[in-house]
PDB file of N, CA and C in Angstrom:
ATOM      1  N   UNK A   1       1.387  66.288 -27.486  1.00  0.00           N
ATOM      2  CA  UNK A   1       1.582  67.686 -27.570  1.00  0.00           C
ATOM      3  C   UNK A   1       0.629  68.504 -26.855  1.00  0.00           C
ATOM      4  N   UNK A   2      -0.644  67.855 -26.519  1.00  0.00           N
ATOM      5  CA  UNK A   2      -1.491  68.648 -25.868  1.00  0.00           C
ATOM      6  C   UNK A   2      -2.518  69.504 -26.771  1.00  0.00           C
ATOM      7  N   UNK A   3      -1.989  69.752 -27.860  1.00  0.00           N
ATOM      8  CA  UNK A   3      -3.052  70.648 -28.681  1.00  0.00           C
ATOM      9  C   UNK A   3      -4.372  70.150 -29.305  1.00  0.00           C
ATOM     10  N   UNK A   4      -4.467  68.805 -29.088  1.00  0.00           N
ATOM     11  CA  UNK A   4      -5.708  68.196 -29.746  1.00  0.00           C
ATOM     12  C   UNK A   4      -6.851  68.680 -29.044  1.00  0.00           C
ATOM     13  N   UNK A   5      -6.963  69.145 -27.938  1.00  0.00           N
ATOM     14  CA  UNK A   5      -8.001  69.517 -27.236  1.00  0.00           C
ATOM     15  C   UNK A   5      -8.695  70.845 -27.710  1.00  0.00           C
ATOM     16  N   UNK A   6      -7.720  71.591 -28.357  1.00  0.00           N
ATOM     17  CA  UNK A   6      -8.079  72.842 -29.018  1.00  0.00           C
ATOM     18  C   UNK A   6      -8.818  72.624 -30.543  1.00  0.00           C
ATOM     19  N   UNK A   7      -8.719  71.377 -30.976  1.00  0.00           N
ATOM     20  CA  UNK A   7      -9.328  71.073 -32.370  1.00  0.00           C
ATOM     21  C   UNK A   7     -10.928  71.000 -32.207  1.00  0.00           C
ATOM     22  N   UNK A   8     -11.599  71.509 -33.254  1.00  0.00           N
ATOM     23  CA  UNK A   8     -13.101  71.605 -33.147  1.00  0.00           C
ATOM     24  C   UNK A   8     -13.813  70.150 -33.037  1.00  0.00           C
ATOM     25  N   UNK A   9     -13.043  69.085 -33.598  1.00  0.00           N
ATOM     26  CA  UNK A   9     -13.757  67.713 -33.498  1.00  0.00           C
ATOM     27  C   UNK A   9     -13.250  66.842 -32.482  1.00  0.00           C
ATOM     28  N   UNK A  10     -12.540  67.350 -31.336  1.00  0.00           N
ATOM     29  CA  UNK A  10     -12.184  66.773 -30.448  1.00  0.00           C
ATOM     30  C   UNK A  10     -13.146  66.343 -29.321  1.00  0.00           C
ATOM     31  N   UNK A  11     -13.247  65.133 -28.897  1.00  0.00           N
ATOM     32  CA  UNK A  11     -12.517  63.982 -29.027  1.00  0.00           C
ATOM     33  C   UNK A  11     -13.079  63.213 -30.268  1.00  0.00           C
ATOM     34  N   UNK A  12     -12.364  62.873 -31.167  1.00  0.00           N
ATOM     35  CA  UNK A  12     -12.761  61.994 -32.182  1.00  0.00           C
ATOM     36  C   UNK A  12     -12.951  60.369 -31.737  1.00  0.00           C
ATOM     37  N   UNK A  13     -13.444  59.571 -32.475  1.00  0.00           N
ATOM     38  CA  UNK A  13     -13.382  58.175 -31.966  1.00  0.00           C
ATOM     39  C   UNK A  13     -11.966  57.771 -31.962  1.00  0.00           C
ATOM     40  N   UNK A  14     -11.082  58.135 -32.535  1.00  0.00           N
ATOM     41  CA  UNK A  14      -9.543  57.613 -32.681  1.00  0.00           C
ATOM     42  C   UNK A  14      -9.102  58.172 -31.324  1.00  0.00           C
ATOM     43  N   UNK A  15      -9.545  59.483 -30.848  1.00  0.00           N
ATOM     44  CA  UNK A  15      -9.017  60.057 -29.556  1.00  0.00           C
ATOM     45  C   UNK A  15      -9.351  59.133 -28.344  1.00  0.00           C
ATOM     46  N   UNK A  16     -10.649  58.746 -28.328  1.00  0.00           N
ATOM     47  CA  UNK A  16     -11.142  57.976 -27.288  1.00  0.00           C
ATOM     48  C   UNK A  16     -10.378  56.590 -27.434  1.00  0.00           C
ATOM     49  N   UNK A  17     -10.406  56.062 -28.517  1.00  0.00           N
ATOM     50  CA  UNK A  17      -9.888  54.642 -28.587  1.00  0.00           C
ATOM     51  C   UNK A  17      -8.387  54.666 -28.194  1.00  0.00           C
ATOM     52  N   UNK A  18      -7.679  55.723 -28.558  1.00  0.00           N
ATOM     53  CA  UNK A  18      -6.069  55.777 -28.176  1.00  0.00           C
ATOM     54  C   UNK A  18      -6.212  55.847 -26.666  1.00  0.00           C
ATOM     55  N   UNK A  19      -7.044  56.476 -26.218  1.00  0.00           N
ATOM     56  CA  UNK A  19      -6.976  56.879 -24.740  1.00  0.00           C
ATOM     57  C   UNK A  19      -7.211  55.487 -23.897  1.00  0.00           C
ATOM     58  N   UNK A  20      -8.210  54.888 -24.563  1.00  0.00           N
ATOM     59  CA  UNK A  20      -8.552  53.474 -23.803  1.00  0.00           C
ATOM     60  C   UNK A  20      -7.383  52.231 -23.986  1.00  0.00           C
ATOM     61  N   UNK A  21      -6.867  52.346 -25.247  1.00  0.00           N
ATOM     62  CA  UNK A  21      -5.884  51.349 -25.368  1.00  0.00           C
ATOM     63  C   UNK A  21      -4.626  51.647 -24.322  1.00  0.00           C
ATOM     64  N   UNK A  22      -4.284  53.024 -24.240  1.00  0.00           N
ATOM     65  CA  UNK A  22      -3.286  53.469 -23.338  1.00  0.00           C
ATOM     66  C   UNK A  22      -3.583  52.782 -21.990  1.00  0.00           C
ATOM     67  N   UNK A  23      -4.779  52.925 -21.501  1.00  0.00           N
ATOM     68  CA  UNK A  23      -5.064  52.381 -20.242  1.00  0.00           C
ATOM     69  C   UNK A  23      -4.911  50.822 -20.141  1.00  0.00           C
ATOM     70  N   UNK A  24      -5.180  50.219 -21.236  1.00  0.00           N
ATOM     71  CA  UNK A  24      -5.129  48.690 -21.255  1.00  0.00           C
ATOM     72  C   UNK A  24      -3.710  48.348 -21.281  1.00  0.00           C
ATOM     73  N   UNK A  25      -2.834  49.117 -21.927  1.00  0.00           N
ATOM     74  CA  UNK A  25      -1.286  48.923 -21.830  1.00  0.00           C
ATOM     75  C   UNK A  25      -0.797  49.062 -20.364  1.00  0.00           C
ATOM     76  N   UNK A  26      -1.070  50.404 -19.842  1.00  0.00           N
ATOM     77  CA  UNK A  26      -0.636  50.966 -18.765  1.00  0.00           C
ATOM     78  C   UNK A  26      -0.976  49.744 -17.415  1.00  0.00           C
ATOM     79  N   UNK A  27      -2.351  49.412 -17.546  1.00  0.00           N
ATOM     80  CA  UNK A  27      -2.874  48.591 -16.406  1.00  0.00           C
ATOM     81  C   UNK A  27      -3.740  47.448 -16.979  1.00  0.00           C
ATOM     82  N   UNK A  28      -2.943  46.454 -17.369  1.00  0.00           N
ATOM     83  CA  UNK A  28      -3.570  45.408 -18.163  1.00  0.00           C
ATOM     84  C   UNK A  28      -4.431  44.396 -17.240  1.00  0.00           C
ATOM     85  N   UNK A  29      -4.280  44.456 -15.909  1.00  0.00           N
ATOM     86  CA  UNK A  29      -5.005  43.657 -14.915  1.00  0.00           C
ATOM     87  C   UNK A  29      -6.309  44.554 -14.612  1.00  0.00           C
ATOM     88  N   UNK A  30      -6.280  45.772 -14.860  1.00  0.00           N
ATOM     89  CA  UNK A  30      -7.625  46.397 -14.515  1.00  0.00           C
ATOM     90  C   UNK A  30      -8.502  46.697 -15.915  1.00  0.00           C
ATOM     91  N   UNK A  31      -7.619  47.076 -16.855  1.00  0.00           N
ATOM     92  CA  UNK A  31      -8.379  47.512 -18.093  1.00  0.00           C
ATOM     93  C   UNK A  31      -8.394  46.353 -19.030  1.00  0.00           C
ATOM     94  N   UNK A  32      -9.348  45.679 -19.644  1.00  0.00           N
ATOM     95  CA  UNK A  32      -9.381  44.666 -20.578  1.00  0.00           C
ATOM     96  C   UNK A  32      -9.961  44.935 -21.896  1.00  0.00           C
ATOM     97  N   UNK A  33     -10.138  46.264 -22.209  1.00  0.00           N
ATOM     98  CA  UNK A  33     -10.594  46.611 -23.503  1.00  0.00           C
ATOM     99  C   UNK A  33     -12.105  46.960 -23.688  1.00  0.00           C
ATOM    100  N   UNK A  34     -12.722  47.077 -22.315  1.00  0.00           N
ATOM    101  CA  UNK A  34     -14.148  47.376 -22.354  1.00  0.00           C
ATOM    102  C   UNK A  34     -14.149  48.862 -21.724  1.00  0.00           C
ATOM    103  N   UNK A  35     -15.141  49.730 -22.234  1.00  0.00           N
ATOM    104  CA  UNK A  35     -15.259  50.881 -21.578  1.00  0.00           C
ATOM    105  C   UNK A  35     -16.639  51.471 -21.689  1.00  0.00           C
ATOM    106  N   UNK A  36     -16.857  52.333 -20.745  1.00  0.00           N
ATOM    107  CA  UNK A  36     -18.364  52.770 -20.557  1.00  0.00           C
ATOM    108  C   UNK A  36     -18.593  54.252 -20.913  1.00  0.00           C
ATOM    109  N   UNK A  37     -19.794  54.601 -21.230  1.00  0.00           N
ATOM    110  CA  UNK A  37     -20.037  55.997 -21.350  1.00  0.00           C
ATOM    111  C   UNK A  37     -19.794  56.633 -20.058  1.00  0.00           C
ATOM    112  N   UNK A  38     -20.209  56.096 -18.983  1.00  0.00           N
ATOM    113  CA  UNK A  38     -20.056  56.592 -17.573  1.00  0.00           C
ATOM    114  C   UNK A  38     -18.576  57.171 -17.325  1.00  0.00           C
ATOM    115  N   UNK A  39     -17.660  56.179 -17.568  1.00  0.00           N
ATOM    116  CA  UNK A  39     -16.214  56.416 -17.401  1.00  0.00           C
ATOM    117  C   UNK A  39     -15.562  57.485 -18.284  1.00  0.00           C
ATOM    118  N   UNK A  40     -16.142  57.499 -19.517  1.00  0.00           N
ATOM    119  CA  UNK A  40     -15.712  58.584 -20.400  1.00  0.00           C
ATOM    120  C   UNK A  40     -16.073  59.984 -19.955  1.00  0.00           C
ATOM    121  N   UNK A  41     -17.411  60.095 -19.486  1.00  0.00           N
ATOM    122  CA  UNK A  41     -18.065  61.257 -19.090  1.00  0.00           C
ATOM    123  C   UNK A  41     -17.408  61.768 -17.804  1.00  0.00           C
ATOM    124  N   UNK A  42     -17.038  60.872 -16.786  1.00  0.00           N
ATOM    125  CA  UNK A  42     -16.780  61.208 -15.368  1.00  0.00           C
ATOM    126  C   UNK A  42     -15.303  61.277 -15.296  1.00  0.00           C
ATOM    127  N   UNK A  43     -14.533  60.437 -15.988  1.00  0.00           N
ATOM    128  CA  UNK A  43     -12.953  60.393 -15.662  1.00  0.00           C
ATOM    129  C   UNK A  43     -12.073  60.974 -16.807  1.00  0.00           C
ATOM    130  N   UNK A  44     -12.651  60.739 -18.116  1.00  0.00           N
ATOM    131  CA  UNK A  44     -11.766  60.750 -19.326  1.00  0.00           C
ATOM    132  C   UNK A  44     -12.045  62.134 -20.072  1.00  0.00           C
ATOM    133  N   UNK A  45     -13.128  62.356 -20.395  1.00  0.00           N
ATOM    134  CA  UNK A  45     -13.346  63.391 -21.275  1.00  0.00           C
ATOM    135  C   UNK A  45     -14.548  64.251 -20.579  1.00  0.00           C
ATOM    136  N   UNK A  46     -14.279  64.973 -19.482  1.00  0.00           N
ATOM    137  CA  UNK A  46     -15.298  65.393 -18.553  1.00  0.00           C
ATOM    138  C   UNK A  46     -15.754  66.717 -19.136  1.00  0.00           C
ATOM    139  N   UNK A  47     -15.125  67.454 -19.950  1.00  0.00           N
ATOM    140  CA  UNK A  47     -15.622  68.767 -20.590  1.00  0.00           C
ATOM    141  C   UNK A  47     -16.296  68.338 -21.998  1.00  0.00           C
ATOM    142  N   UNK A  48     -16.605  67.236 -22.362  1.00  0.00           N
ATOM    143  CA  UNK A  48     -17.164  66.779 -23.579  1.00  0.00           C
ATOM    144  C   UNK A  48     -18.654  66.580 -23.415  1.00  0.00           C
ATOM    145  N   UNK A  49     -19.434  66.968 -24.224  1.00  0.00           N
ATOM    146  CA  UNK A  49     -20.892  66.874 -24.428  1.00  0.00           C
ATOM    147  C   UNK A  49     -21.120  65.065 -24.613  1.00  0.00           C
ATOM    148  N   UNK A  50     -22.103  64.648 -23.896  1.00  0.00           N
ATOM    149  CA  UNK A  50     -22.379  63.381 -24.151  1.00  0.00           C
ATOM    150  C   UNK A  50     -22.718  62.914 -25.433  1.00  0.00           C
ATOM    151  N   UNK A  51     -23.392  63.826 -26.315  1.00  0.00           N
ATOM    152  CA  UNK A  51     -23.818  63.468 -27.692  1.00  0.00           C
ATOM    153  C   UNK A  51     -22.498  63.335 -28.643  1.00  0.00           C
ATOM    154  N   UNK A  52     -21.608  64.242 -28.350  1.00  0.00           N
ATOM    155  CA  UNK A  52     -20.315  64.215 -28.987  1.00  0.00           C
ATOM    156  C   UNK A  52     -19.440  62.913 -28.733  1.00  0.00           C
ATOM    157  N   UNK A  53     -19.416  62.543 -27.557  1.00  0.00           N
ATOM    158  CA  UNK A  53     -18.965  61.181 -27.236  1.00  0.00           C
ATOM    159  C   UNK A  53     -19.638  59.918 -27.983  1.00  0.00           C
ATOM    160  N   UNK A  54     -21.050  60.135 -27.936  1.00  0.00           N
ATOM    161  CA  UNK A  54     -21.714  58.983 -28.591  1.00  0.00           C
ATOM    162  C   UNK A  54     -21.512  59.040 -30.083  1.00  0.00           C
ATOM    163  N   UNK A  55     -21.482  60.096 -30.823  1.00  0.00           N
ATOM    164  CA  UNK A  55     -21.303  60.256 -32.163  1.00  0.00           C
ATOM    165  C   UNK A  55     -19.903  59.740 -32.505  1.00  0.00           C
ATOM    166  N   UNK A  56     -18.752  60.074 -31.661  1.00  0.00           N
ATOM    167  CA  UNK A  56     -17.424  59.593 -31.916  1.00  0.00           C
ATOM    168  C   UNK A  56     -17.288  58.083 -31.818  1.00  0.00           C
ATOM    169  N   UNK A  57     -17.967  57.392 -30.818  1.00  0.00           N
ATOM    170  CA  UNK A  57     -17.997  55.999 -30.780  1.00  0.00           C
ATOM    171  C   UNK A  57     -18.830  55.345 -31.803  1.00  0.00           C
ATOM    172  N   UNK A  58     -19.929  56.003 -32.233  1.00  0.00           N
ATOM    173  CA  UNK A  58     -20.562  55.563 -33.353  1.00  0.00           C
ATOM    174  C   UNK A  58     -19.777  55.460 -34.579  1.00  0.00           C
ATOM    175  N   UNK A  59     -19.009  56.388 -34.786  1.00  0.00           N
ATOM    176  CA  UNK A  59     -17.883  56.092 -35.977  1.00  0.00           C
ATOM    177  C   UNK A  59     -17.121  54.903 -35.687  1.00  0.00           C
ATOM    178  N   UNK A  60     -16.687  54.509 -34.748  1.00  0.00           N
ATOM    179  CA  UNK A  60     -15.714  53.335 -34.374  1.00  0.00           C
ATOM    180  C   UNK A  60     -16.531  52.170 -34.571  1.00  0.00           C
ATOM    181  N   UNK A  61     -17.801  52.065 -33.935  1.00  0.00           N
ATOM    182  CA  UNK A  61     -18.733  51.025 -34.230  1.00  0.00           C
ATOM    183  C   UNK A  61     -18.845  50.643 -35.744  1.00  0.00           C
ATOM    184  N   UNK A  62     -19.105  51.805 -36.466  1.00  0.00           N
ATOM    185  CA  UNK A  62     -19.320  51.780 -38.012  1.00  0.00           C
ATOM    186  C   UNK A  62     -18.151  51.160 -38.712  1.00  0.00           C
ATOM    187  N   UNK A  63     -16.875  51.454 -38.230  1.00  0.00           N
ATOM    188  CA  UNK A  63     -15.741  51.092 -38.809  1.00  0.00           C
ATOM    189  C   UNK A  63     -15.220  49.580 -38.322  1.00  0.00           C
ATOM    190  N   UNK A  64     -16.000  49.061 -37.423  1.00  0.00           N
ATOM    191  CA  UNK A  64     -15.648  47.786 -36.951  1.00  0.00           C
ATOM    192  C   UNK A  64     -14.692  47.617 -35.894  1.00  0.00           C
ATOM    193  N   UNK A  65     -14.282  48.745 -35.338  1.00  0.00           N
ATOM    194  CA  UNK A  65     -13.043  48.751 -34.236  1.00  0.00           C
ATOM    195  C   UNK A  65     -13.516  48.457 -32.995  1.00  0.00           C
ATOM    196  N   UNK A  66     -14.767  48.739 -32.747  1.00  0.00           N
ATOM    197  CA  UNK A  66     -15.510  48.530 -31.402  1.00  0.00           C
ATOM    198  C   UNK A  66     -16.733  47.884 -31.529  1.00  0.00           C
ATOM    199  N   UNK A  67     -17.175  47.221 -30.510  1.00  0.00           N
ATOM    200  CA  UNK A  67     -18.591  46.654 -30.799  1.00  0.00           C
ATOM    201  C   UNK A  67     -19.357  47.017 -29.455  1.00  0.00           C
ATOM    202  N   UNK A  68     -20.726  47.206 -29.567  1.00  0.00           N
ATOM    203  CA  UNK A  68     -21.466  47.501 -28.514  1.00  0.00           C
ATOM    204  C   UNK A  68     -21.710  46.269 -27.544  1.00  0.00           C
ATOM    205  N   UNK A  69     -21.494  46.393 -26.266  1.00  0.00           N
ATOM    206  CA  UNK A  69     -21.717  45.261 -25.319  1.00  0.00           C
ATOM    207  C   UNK A  69     -22.905  45.431 -24.433  1.00  0.00           C
ATOM    208  N   UNK A  70     -23.284  46.669 -24.158  1.00  0.00           N
ATOM    209  CA  UNK A  70     -24.571  46.800 -23.510  1.00  0.00           C
ATOM    210  C   UNK A  70     -25.196  48.030 -23.775  1.00  0.00           C
ATOM    211  N   UNK A  71     -26.481  47.881 -24.037  1.00  0.00           N
ATOM    212  CA  UNK A  71     -27.189  49.158 -24.583  1.00  0.00           C
ATOM    213  C   UNK A  71     -28.291  49.640 -23.526  1.00  0.00           C
ATOM    214  N   UNK A  72     -28.237  49.110 -22.349  1.00  0.00           N
ATOM    215  CA  UNK A  72     -29.144  49.503 -21.380  1.00  0.00           C
ATOM    216  C   UNK A  72     -28.947  50.936 -20.919  1.00  0.00           C
ATOM    217  N   UNK A  73     -30.044  51.624 -20.621  1.00  0.00           N
ATOM    218  CA  UNK A  73     -29.885  53.061 -20.240  1.00  0.00           C
ATOM    219  C   UNK A  73     -28.930  53.206 -18.930  1.00  0.00           C
ATOM    220  N   UNK A  74     -28.093  54.049 -18.966  1.00  0.00           N
ATOM    221  CA  UNK A  74     -27.081  54.421 -17.926  1.00  0.00           C
ATOM    222  C   UNK A  74     -26.164  53.149 -17.843  1.00  0.00           C
ATOM    223  N   UNK A  75     -25.999  52.528 -18.732  1.00  0.00           N
ATOM    224  CA  UNK A  75     -24.989  51.225 -18.561  1.00  0.00           C
ATOM    225  C   UNK A  75     -24.463  51.082 -20.057  1.00  0.00           C
ATOM    226  N   UNK A  76     -24.378  52.033 -20.828  1.00  0.00           N
ATOM    227  CA  UNK A  76     -23.743  51.803 -22.378  1.00  0.00           C
ATOM    228  C   UNK A  76     -22.453  51.433 -22.313  1.00  0.00           C
ATOM    229  N   UNK A  77     -21.880  50.526 -22.830  1.00  0.00           N
ATOM    230  CA  UNK A  77     -20.592  50.096 -22.806  1.00  0.00           C
ATOM    231  C   UNK A  77     -20.098  49.439 -24.233  1.00  0.00           C
ATOM    232  N   UNK A  78     -18.877  49.321 -24.486  1.00  0.00           N
ATOM    233  CA  UNK A  78     -18.185  48.949 -25.777  1.00  0.00           C
ATOM    234  C   UNK A  78     -17.117  48.203 -25.420  1.00  0.00           C
ATOM    235  N   UNK A  79     -16.724  47.226 -26.417  1.00  0.00           N
ATOM    236  CA  UNK A  79     -15.402  46.584 -26.292  1.00  0.00           C
ATOM    237  C   UNK A  79     -14.658  46.779 -27.657  1.00  0.00           C
ATOM    238  N   UNK A  80     -13.285  46.951 -27.247  1.00  0.00           N
ATOM    239  CA  UNK A  80     -12.474  47.217 -28.360  1.00  0.00           C
ATOM    240  C   UNK A  80     -12.037  45.913 -29.137  1.00  0.00           C
ATOM    241  N   UNK A  81     -12.397  45.777 -30.176  1.00  0.00           N
ATOM    242  CA  UNK A  81     -12.149  44.550 -31.063  1.00  0.00           C
ATOM    243  C   UNK A  81     -11.034  44.625 -31.967  1.00  0.00           C
ATOM    244  N   UNK A  82     -10.501  45.898 -32.408  1.00  0.00           N
ATOM    245  CA  UNK A  82      -9.300  45.849 -33.169  1.00  0.00           C
ATOM    246  C   UNK A  82      -8.493  46.986 -32.723  1.00  0.00           C
ATOM    247  N   UNK A  83      -7.240  46.720 -32.751  1.00  0.00           N
ATOM    248  CA  UNK A  83      -6.220  47.987 -32.464  1.00  0.00           C
ATOM    249  C   UNK A  83      -5.670  48.495 -33.576  1.00  0.00           C
ATOM    250  N   UNK A  84      -5.901  49.627 -34.187  1.00  0.00           N
ATOM    251  CA  UNK A  84      -5.520  50.128 -35.143  1.00  0.00           C
ATOM    252  C   UNK A  84      -4.049  50.678 -35.134  1.00  0.00           C
ATOM    253  N   UNK A  85      -3.618  50.913 -33.820  1.00  0.00           N
ATOM    254  CA  UNK A  85      -2.389  51.710 -33.519  1.00  0.00           C
ATOM    255  C   UNK A  85      -1.149  50.598 -33.370  1.00  0.00           C
ATOM    256  N   UNK A  86      -1.557  49.365 -33.677  1.00  0.00           N
ATOM    257  CA  UNK A  86      -0.359  48.289 -33.629  1.00  0.00           C
ATOM    258  C   UNK A  86       0.669  48.524 -34.719  1.00  0.00           C
TER     259      UNK A  86
END
């Protein structure tokens, strides 16, 4: 519907997760379930503060839905290990 961007908590971890899963479904040869903070900030959620993205992803890690792949500075990345939308 497009109204989620007006919600105060947007994007939640599930907003990020849904977006990344949709990319995997649409382009399975290119997107394998990994995503980076750089891609989120640069291409997907350009208007969102980095701290909000990190907090939302931390919620997904705490739930066991994604796992951290790389923790190097400027190379933060995660892997989707569970798809709750199936």
